Amino acid sequence: MEFDKKILEIQNIVSVTDFNYNLNLKQIVLHARNTEYNPKRFPAVIMRIKEPKSTALIFSSGKMVCTGTKSINNSKIAARKFGRIIQKLGFDIKFQNYKIQNIVGSCNLNFKIKLENFQIDNSSFSCYEPEIFPGLIYKILNPKVTTLIFTTGKIVLTGGKKIFEIEEAFDLIYNLLINYNESD
């Protein structure tokens, strides 16, 4: 049974950047729009932009985490936009060491999965404790991707640093899961 690749969707790209500059977070939150900063709760400024829709966590060390985009290109565009906003506030930052930290994909296989049977047959790579969490956690070693599998047929893949790693992990897990289709 062949599957349609379109059912795998990239949900989130997380990237990191280093501005190589110590930042005054109070100054950023006072002069930039769409920001929040509560140092007692979290030690970073949270900044949002609408296009591409994303959120940045900006730390005083000059490091930034950018999250919320659905493509690698948009992640880089968003990171650069956040950097430009900080530059316009008077900080002499550099845009360095940009890299993708994590990619999250998801899909609906459109069939129910016998998770108990899957767990028994794949216990060395999986963990399933439905009283604690409703999904089965399956770790793929190569590519290094973690998969959350639910009885409904929905799966989430996380941990890849390149889109092809998520796609490769999806192929691997799909080929295992078709043997645990509840309707068979």
Protein backbone atom coordinates (compact mmCIF):
# COMPACT_ATOMS: atom_id res chain seq x y z
CA MET A 1 0.00 0.00 0.00
CA GLU A 2 1.55 3.28 -1.12
CA PHE A 3 0.87 6.52 0.76
CA ASP A 4 0.41 10.11 -0.34
CA LYS A 5 3.37 12.27 0.78
CA LYS A 6 1.06 15.28 1.02
CA ILE A 7 -0.33 13.99 4.30
CA LEU A 8 2.99 14.82 6.03
CA GLU A 9 2.97 18.50 6.99
CA ILE A 10 5.76 20.55 8.51
CA GLN A 11 4.27 22.25 11.58
CA ASN A 12 7.19 24.14 13.10
CA ILE A 13 10.80 25.05 12.40
CA VAL A 14 12.98 26.08 15.34
CA SER A 15 16.18 27.93 14.51
CA VAL A 16 18.89 29.56 16.60
CA THR A 17 21.05 32.59 15.89
CA ASP A 18 23.82 34.37 17.75
CA PHE A 19 23.96 38.17 17.47
CA ASN A 20 27.38 38.18 19.15
CA TYR A 21 26.34 41.14 21.30
CA ASN A 22 25.09 41.52 24.89
CA LEU A 23 21.59 42.98 24.75
CA ASN A 24 19.71 45.24 27.15
CA LEU A 25 16.37 43.43 27.25
CA LYS A 26 14.58 46.26 29.10
CA GLN A 27 15.50 48.65 26.31
CA ILE A 28 14.21 46.22 23.70
CA VAL A 29 10.85 45.70 25.41
CA LEU A 30 10.39 49.45 25.97
CA HIS A 31 11.06 50.42 22.34
CA ALA A 32 9.92 47.48 20.20
CA ARG A 33 6.33 46.51 19.43
CA ASN A 34 4.79 43.08 20.04
CA THR A 35 7.19 42.22 22.86
CA GLU A 36 6.87 40.98 26.39
CA TYR A 37 9.43 40.55 29.12
CA ASN A 38 8.92 39.20 32.61
CA PRO A 39 12.38 38.25 33.96
CA LYS A 40 10.85 36.57 37.01
CA ARG A 41 9.01 34.12 34.74
CA PHE A 42 11.43 33.75 31.83
CA PRO A 43 14.86 35.33 31.17
CA ALA A 44 14.19 36.41 27.57
CA VAL A 45 12.20 38.95 25.60
CA ILE A 46 9.39 37.32 23.65
CA MET A 47 8.89 39.12 20.34
CA ARG A 48 6.35 38.30 17.63
CA ILE A 49 6.03 39.26 13.98
CA LYS A 50 3.09 38.62 11.66
CA GLU A 51 4.89 37.92 8.38
CA PRO A 52 6.18 35.29 8.35
CA LYS A 53 4.21 34.45 11.50
CA SER A 54 6.80 33.63 14.14
CA THR A 55 7.97 34.19 17.70
CA ALA A 56 11.49 34.89 18.90
CA LEU A 57 13.02 34.37 22.31
CA ILE A 58 15.78 36.95 22.64
CA PHE A 59 18.30 36.49 25.46
CA SER A 60 20.62 39.10 26.99
CA SER A 61 23.59 37.00 25.82
CA GLY A 62 22.66 37.89 22.23
CA LYS A 63 21.33 34.44 21.43
CA MET A 64 17.93 34.11 19.80
CA VAL A 65 15.56 31.20 19.24
CA CYS A 66 13.07 31.65 16.41
CA THR A 67 10.02 29.41 16.28
CA GLY A 68 6.64 29.07 14.60
CA THR A 69 7.43 29.08 10.89
CA LYS A 70 6.54 26.19 8.62
CA SER A 71 9.43 26.39 6.16
CA ILE A 72 13.20 26.72 6.40
CA ASN A 73 13.14 29.76 4.12
CA ASN A 74 10.55 31.54 6.29
CA SER A 75 12.53 30.67 9.41
CA LYS A 76 15.61 32.44 8.04
CA ILE A 77 13.53 35.42 6.85
CA ALA A 78 11.90 35.71 10.30
CA ALA A 79 15.25 35.46 12.11
CA ARG A 80 16.67 38.23 9.91
CA LYS A 81 13.60 40.41 10.51
CA PHE A 82 13.98 40.03 14.28
CA GLY A 83 17.66 40.91 13.92
CA ARG A 84 16.81 44.01 11.86
CA ILE A 85 14.33 45.19 14.53
CA ILE A 86 17.07 44.88 17.17
CA GLN A 87 19.56 46.71 14.92
CA LYS A 88 17.10 49.59 14.49
CA LEU A 89 17.00 49.91 18.28
CA GLY A 90 20.71 50.81 18.19
CA PHE A 91 22.38 47.48 18.93
CA ASP A 92 25.43 46.72 16.77
CA ILE A 93 24.59 43.07 16.25
CA LYS A 94 25.95 40.54 13.79
CA PHE A 95 23.84 37.72 12.35
CA GLN A 96 26.00 34.66 13.11
CA ASN A 97 25.77 30.90 13.51
CA TYR A 98 22.23 30.60 12.16
CA LYS A 99 21.13 26.97 12.21
CA ILE A 100 18.03 24.84 12.29
CA GLN A 101 17.65 23.29 15.73
CA ASN A 102 14.48 21.25 15.28
CA ILE A 103 11.80 20.45 12.72
CA VAL A 104 8.36 19.18 13.70
CA GLY A 105 6.11 17.38 11.22
CA SER A 106 2.75 15.73 11.64
CA CYS A 107 0.24 13.69 9.71
CA ASN A 108 -2.91 11.65 9.95
CA LEU A 109 -2.51 8.13 8.60
CA ASN A 110 -6.30 7.80 8.36
CA PHE A 111 -6.37 4.45 10.11
CA LYS A 112 -6.46 3.48 13.78
CA ILE A 113 -3.33 1.88 15.23
CA LYS A 114 -3.02 -1.03 17.68
CA LEU A 115 -0.50 0.67 19.97
CA GLU A 116 -0.33 -2.16 22.52
CA ASN A 117 0.70 -4.65 19.82
CA PHE A 118 3.17 -2.18 18.31
CA GLN A 119 4.70 -1.61 21.77
CA ILE A 120 5.14 -5.36 22.37
CA ASP A 121 6.87 -5.87 19.02
CA ASN A 122 9.02 -2.71 19.24
CA SER A 123 9.69 -2.39 22.98
CA SER A 124 13.41 -1.60 22.63
CA PHE A 125 12.66 1.64 20.74
CA SER A 126 9.33 2.63 22.23
CA CYS A 127 7.58 3.66 25.41
CA TYR A 128 3.83 3.45 25.89
CA GLU A 129 2.18 4.29 29.19
CA PRO A 130 -1.40 5.36 28.37
CA GLU A 131 -2.14 6.24 32.01
CA ILE A 132 0.53 8.96 31.81
CA PHE A 133 0.45 10.03 28.13
CA PRO A 134 -1.99 8.86 25.42
CA GLY A 135 0.68 8.49 22.74
CA LEU A 136 3.40 5.94 22.14
CA ILE A 137 6.89 7.43 21.96
CA TYR A 138 9.05 5.74 19.33
CA LYS A 139 12.69 6.74 18.89
CA ILE A 140 14.28 6.31 15.49
CA LEU A 141 18.06 6.20 15.65
CA ASN A 142 18.88 7.04 12.03
CA PRO A 143 17.75 9.67 11.28
CA LYS A 144 17.59 10.76 14.91
CA VAL A 145 13.88 11.55 15.14
CA THR A 146 11.34 10.96 17.90
CA THR A 147 7.82 9.99 16.88
CA LEU A 148 4.64 10.34 18.91
CA ILE A 149 2.03 7.86 17.71
CA PHE A 150 -1.63 7.97 18.73
CA THR A 151 -4.32 5.28 18.40
CA THR A 152 -6.28 7.66 16.15
CA GLY A 153 -3.60 7.35 13.47
CA LYS A 154 -2.15 10.78 14.09
CA ILE A 155 1.63 11.00 14.39
CA VAL A 156 4.07 13.76 15.26
CA LEU A 157 7.73 13.61 14.24
CA THR A 158 10.28 15.82 15.97
CA GLY A 159 14.03 16.18 16.31
CA GLY A 160 15.09 16.39 12.68
CA LYS A 161 17.42 19.16 11.60
CA LYS A 162 16.64 18.78 7.89
CA ILE A 163 13.29 18.22 6.17
CA PHE A 164 14.53 15.05 4.47
CA GLU A 165 15.22 13.56 7.94
CA ILE A 166 11.57 14.07 8.90
CA GLU A 167 10.46 12.59 5.56
CA GLU A 168 12.82 9.62 5.93
CA ALA A 169 11.60 8.99 9.49
CA PHE A 170 8.01 9.22 8.26
CA ASP A 171 8.72 6.57 5.59
CA LEU A 172 10.27 4.28 8.22
CA ILE A 173 7.47 4.64 10.76
CA TYR A 174 4.72 4.39 8.15
CA ASN A 175 6.13 1.10 6.87
CA LEU A 176 6.07 -0.25 10.44
CA LEU A 177 2.63 1.10 11.35
CA ILE A 178 0.75 -0.30 8.35
CA ASN A 179 1.18 -3.72 10.01
CA TYR A 180 -0.77 -2.49 13.07
CA ASN A 181 -3.83 -1.13 11.31
CA GLU A 182 -6.76 -1.73 13.67
CA SER A 183 -9.18 -2.41 10.78
CA ASP A 184 -7.12 -5.40 9.53
